[in-house]
Amino acid sequence: MRNEILLKQLAAFRHNTLSCVEGLTEEEADFIPEGFNNNIRWNLGHIYLDQYDWLYHKTREDNPAPKHYRELFGYGTMPENWQQTPPTLEELRNHLMEQVKVIDQEFGHRLDQELDEPTELGMSTFAEVLPRTFYHEGLHMGAILAIRKAITLQNQKQLK
């Protein structure tokens, strides 16, 4: 039952994240407000990559994220350093929606499986790792909401 709840939470949290970017344009997704290092596109890609990284890291299985996403969205990356064209918002949305299904299919039946070794935070099963990814997604959803607010303020200034 606990595992079913975790998977329902994953789907609900992802729905909330994707709701935050409804109606967003490609231009808005690339806007980096003063005081920020990244944009909404980066935050979405980072959520996607990080969740797979945490789940696949200890399994030594192939991470299904596109290989070039590490250069775009990995820890410490920033859009100002991108050497390639990032995915469109549509591609990112599709990846993020598909990820929920992949995690359910690949990990839903083995959430209680012991990892080869615990993580640095002492988590030893996939069921223990998954909530950490929810927390991380929530942090980045907060950044997305803050950037959306900055976009609104920028648009209001331009109208005056």
Protein backbone atom coordinates (compact mmCIF):
# COMPACT_ATOMS: atom_id res chain seq x y z
CA MET A 1 0.00 0.00 0.00
CA ARG A 2 2.81 2.43 0.88
CA ASN A 3 4.38 1.92 -2.55
CA GLU A 4 1.10 2.61 -4.30
CA ILE A 5 0.86 5.87 -2.35
CA LEU A 6 4.41 6.84 -3.36
CA LEU A 7 3.57 6.31 -7.03
CA LYS A 8 0.34 8.31 -6.68
CA GLN A 9 2.35 11.11 -5.05
CA LEU A 10 4.84 11.02 -7.92
CA ALA A 11 2.03 11.43 -10.45
CA ALA A 12 0.35 14.21 -8.44
CA PHE A 13 3.56 16.16 -7.85
CA ARG A 14 4.50 15.88 -11.53
CA HIS A 15 1.05 17.11 -12.53
CA ASN A 16 1.57 20.12 -10.24
CA THR A 17 4.97 20.86 -11.78
CA LEU A 18 3.64 20.65 -15.31
CA SER A 19 0.66 22.83 -14.38
CA CYS A 20 3.14 25.56 -13.41
CA VAL A 21 4.36 25.82 -17.01
CA GLU A 22 1.03 25.69 -18.83
CA GLY A 23 0.75 28.49 -21.37
CA LEU A 24 4.46 29.28 -21.17
CA THR A 25 6.17 30.33 -24.40
CA GLU A 26 9.59 29.14 -25.52
CA GLU A 27 10.88 32.69 -25.03
CA GLU A 28 9.55 32.82 -21.47
CA ALA A 29 11.07 29.40 -20.73
CA ASP A 30 14.49 30.86 -21.59
CA PHE A 31 14.18 34.07 -19.54
CA ILE A 32 16.70 34.30 -16.70
CA PRO A 33 15.66 36.99 -14.21
CA GLU A 34 18.21 39.08 -12.39
CA GLY A 35 19.53 37.14 -9.41
CA PHE A 36 18.89 33.71 -11.00
CA ASN A 37 21.41 31.39 -12.67
CA ASN A 38 18.91 29.32 -14.61
CA ASN A 39 15.64 29.51 -16.48
CA ILE A 40 12.46 27.47 -16.47
CA ARG A 41 13.67 25.20 -19.29
CA TRP A 42 16.76 24.32 -17.26
CA ASN A 43 14.70 23.64 -14.12
CA LEU A 44 12.39 21.25 -16.00
CA GLY A 45 15.30 19.38 -17.57
CA HIS A 46 17.10 19.22 -14.25
CA ILE A 47 14.05 17.76 -12.46
CA TYR A 48 13.85 15.08 -15.15
CA LEU A 49 17.54 14.19 -15.13
CA ASP A 50 17.95 14.27 -11.35
CA GLN A 51 15.06 11.91 -10.69
CA TYR A 52 16.48 9.31 -13.05
CA ASP A 53 19.97 9.83 -11.67
CA TRP A 54 18.84 9.03 -8.13
CA LEU A 55 16.92 5.93 -9.18
CA TYR A 56 19.36 4.49 -11.70
CA HIS A 57 22.63 5.45 -9.99
CA LYS A 58 22.67 2.50 -7.62
CA THR A 59 21.29 -0.06 -10.09
CA ARG A 60 24.03 0.27 -12.67
CA GLU A 61 21.23 0.06 -15.25
CA ASP A 62 21.08 2.41 -18.22
CA ASN A 63 19.56 5.75 -17.35
CA PRO A 64 16.89 6.40 -20.04
CA ALA A 65 17.52 10.18 -20.11
CA PRO A 66 19.10 11.34 -23.36
CA LYS A 67 22.89 11.38 -22.89
CA HIS A 68 23.30 15.04 -23.85
CA TYR A 69 20.91 16.10 -21.07
CA ARG A 70 23.77 15.78 -18.59
CA GLU A 71 25.62 18.61 -20.36
CA LEU A 72 22.47 20.74 -20.42
CA PHE A 73 20.78 19.97 -17.11
CA GLY A 74 23.29 18.24 -14.85
CA TYR A 75 24.29 19.60 -11.47
CA GLY A 76 26.25 22.85 -11.85
CA THR A 77 25.22 23.51 -15.46
CA MET A 78 23.73 26.81 -16.65
CA PRO A 79 22.04 27.88 -19.88
CA GLU A 80 24.73 30.50 -20.49
CA ASN A 81 27.20 27.63 -20.99
CA TRP A 82 25.08 25.52 -23.33
CA GLN A 83 26.94 24.41 -26.44
CA GLN A 84 23.92 22.78 -28.08
CA THR A 85 20.28 23.53 -28.66
CA PRO A 86 18.15 22.45 -25.69
CA PRO A 87 14.94 20.47 -26.10
CA THR A 88 11.70 22.34 -26.71
CA LEU A 89 9.17 22.79 -23.92
CA GLU A 90 6.99 20.20 -25.64
CA GLU A 91 9.82 17.66 -25.56
CA LEU A 92 10.51 18.35 -21.89
CA ARG A 93 6.82 18.09 -20.99
CA ASN A 94 6.57 14.78 -22.83
CA HIS A 95 9.70 13.42 -21.11
CA LEU A 96 8.40 14.48 -17.70
CA MET A 97 4.98 12.88 -18.27
CA GLU A 98 6.54 9.71 -19.67
CA GLN A 99 8.95 9.52 -16.73
CA VAL A 100 6.08 8.89 -14.31
CA LYS A 101 5.07 5.84 -16.37
CA VAL A 102 8.65 4.60 -16.70
CA ILE A 103 9.25 4.84 -12.96
CA ASP A 104 5.99 3.00 -12.26
CA GLN A 105 6.90 0.23 -14.74
CA GLU A 106 10.60 -0.05 -13.87
CA PHE A 107 10.52 0.52 -10.11
CA GLY A 108 6.90 0.14 -8.96
CA HIS A 109 7.30 -3.58 -8.30
CA ARG A 110 10.70 -3.21 -6.61
CA LEU A 111 10.44 -0.12 -4.46
CA ASP A 112 11.35 -2.20 -1.40
CA GLN A 113 14.40 -3.69 -3.10
CA GLU A 114 17.62 -3.08 -1.21
CA LEU A 115 20.20 -0.99 -3.07
CA ASP A 116 23.69 -2.45 -3.49
CA GLU A 117 24.82 0.13 -0.98
CA PRO A 118 23.00 2.93 0.85
CA THR A 119 23.13 6.46 -0.49
CA GLU A 120 25.12 9.16 1.27
CA LEU A 121 21.94 10.09 3.12
CA GLY A 122 21.47 6.51 4.37
CA MET A 123 18.61 5.60 2.04
CA SER A 124 18.76 1.90 1.24
CA THR A 125 15.69 1.19 -0.94
CA PHE A 126 14.04 2.82 -3.93
CA ALA A 127 11.05 3.60 -1.69
CA GLU A 128 13.40 5.66 0.49
CA VAL A 129 15.02 7.40 -2.49
CA LEU A 130 11.79 8.42 -4.23
CA PRO A 131 10.65 10.98 -1.59
CA ARG A 132 14.04 12.65 -1.85
CA THR A 133 13.29 13.23 -5.54
CA PHE A 134 9.88 14.69 -4.63
CA TYR A 135 11.58 17.18 -2.32
CA HIS A 136 14.04 18.10 -5.06
CA GLU A 137 11.24 18.58 -7.59
CA GLY A 138 9.41 20.83 -5.13
CA LEU A 139 12.48 23.02 -4.72
CA HIS A 140 12.74 23.48 -8.46
CA MET A 141 8.99 24.01 -8.79
CA GLY A 142 9.47 26.90 -6.36
CA ALA A 143 12.18 28.31 -8.63
CA ILE A 144 9.86 27.92 -11.63
CA LEU A 145 7.10 29.81 -9.82
CA ALA A 146 9.53 32.58 -8.84
CA ILE A 147 10.72 32.92 -12.43
CA ARG A 148 7.10 33.00 -13.66
CA LYS A 149 6.44 35.85 -11.22
CA ALA A 150 9.51 37.68 -12.55
CA ILE A 151 8.22 37.17 -16.10
CA THR A 152 4.87 38.68 -15.12
CA LEU A 153 6.60 41.68 -13.51
CA GLN A 154 8.81 42.13 -16.59
CA ASN A 155 5.76 42.04 -18.87
CA GLN A 156 3.96 44.60 -16.69
CA LYS A 157 6.96 46.95 -16.89
CA GLN A 158 7.03 46.68 -20.66
CA LEU A 159 3.34 47.58 -20.89
CA LYS A 160 3.84 50.85 -18.99
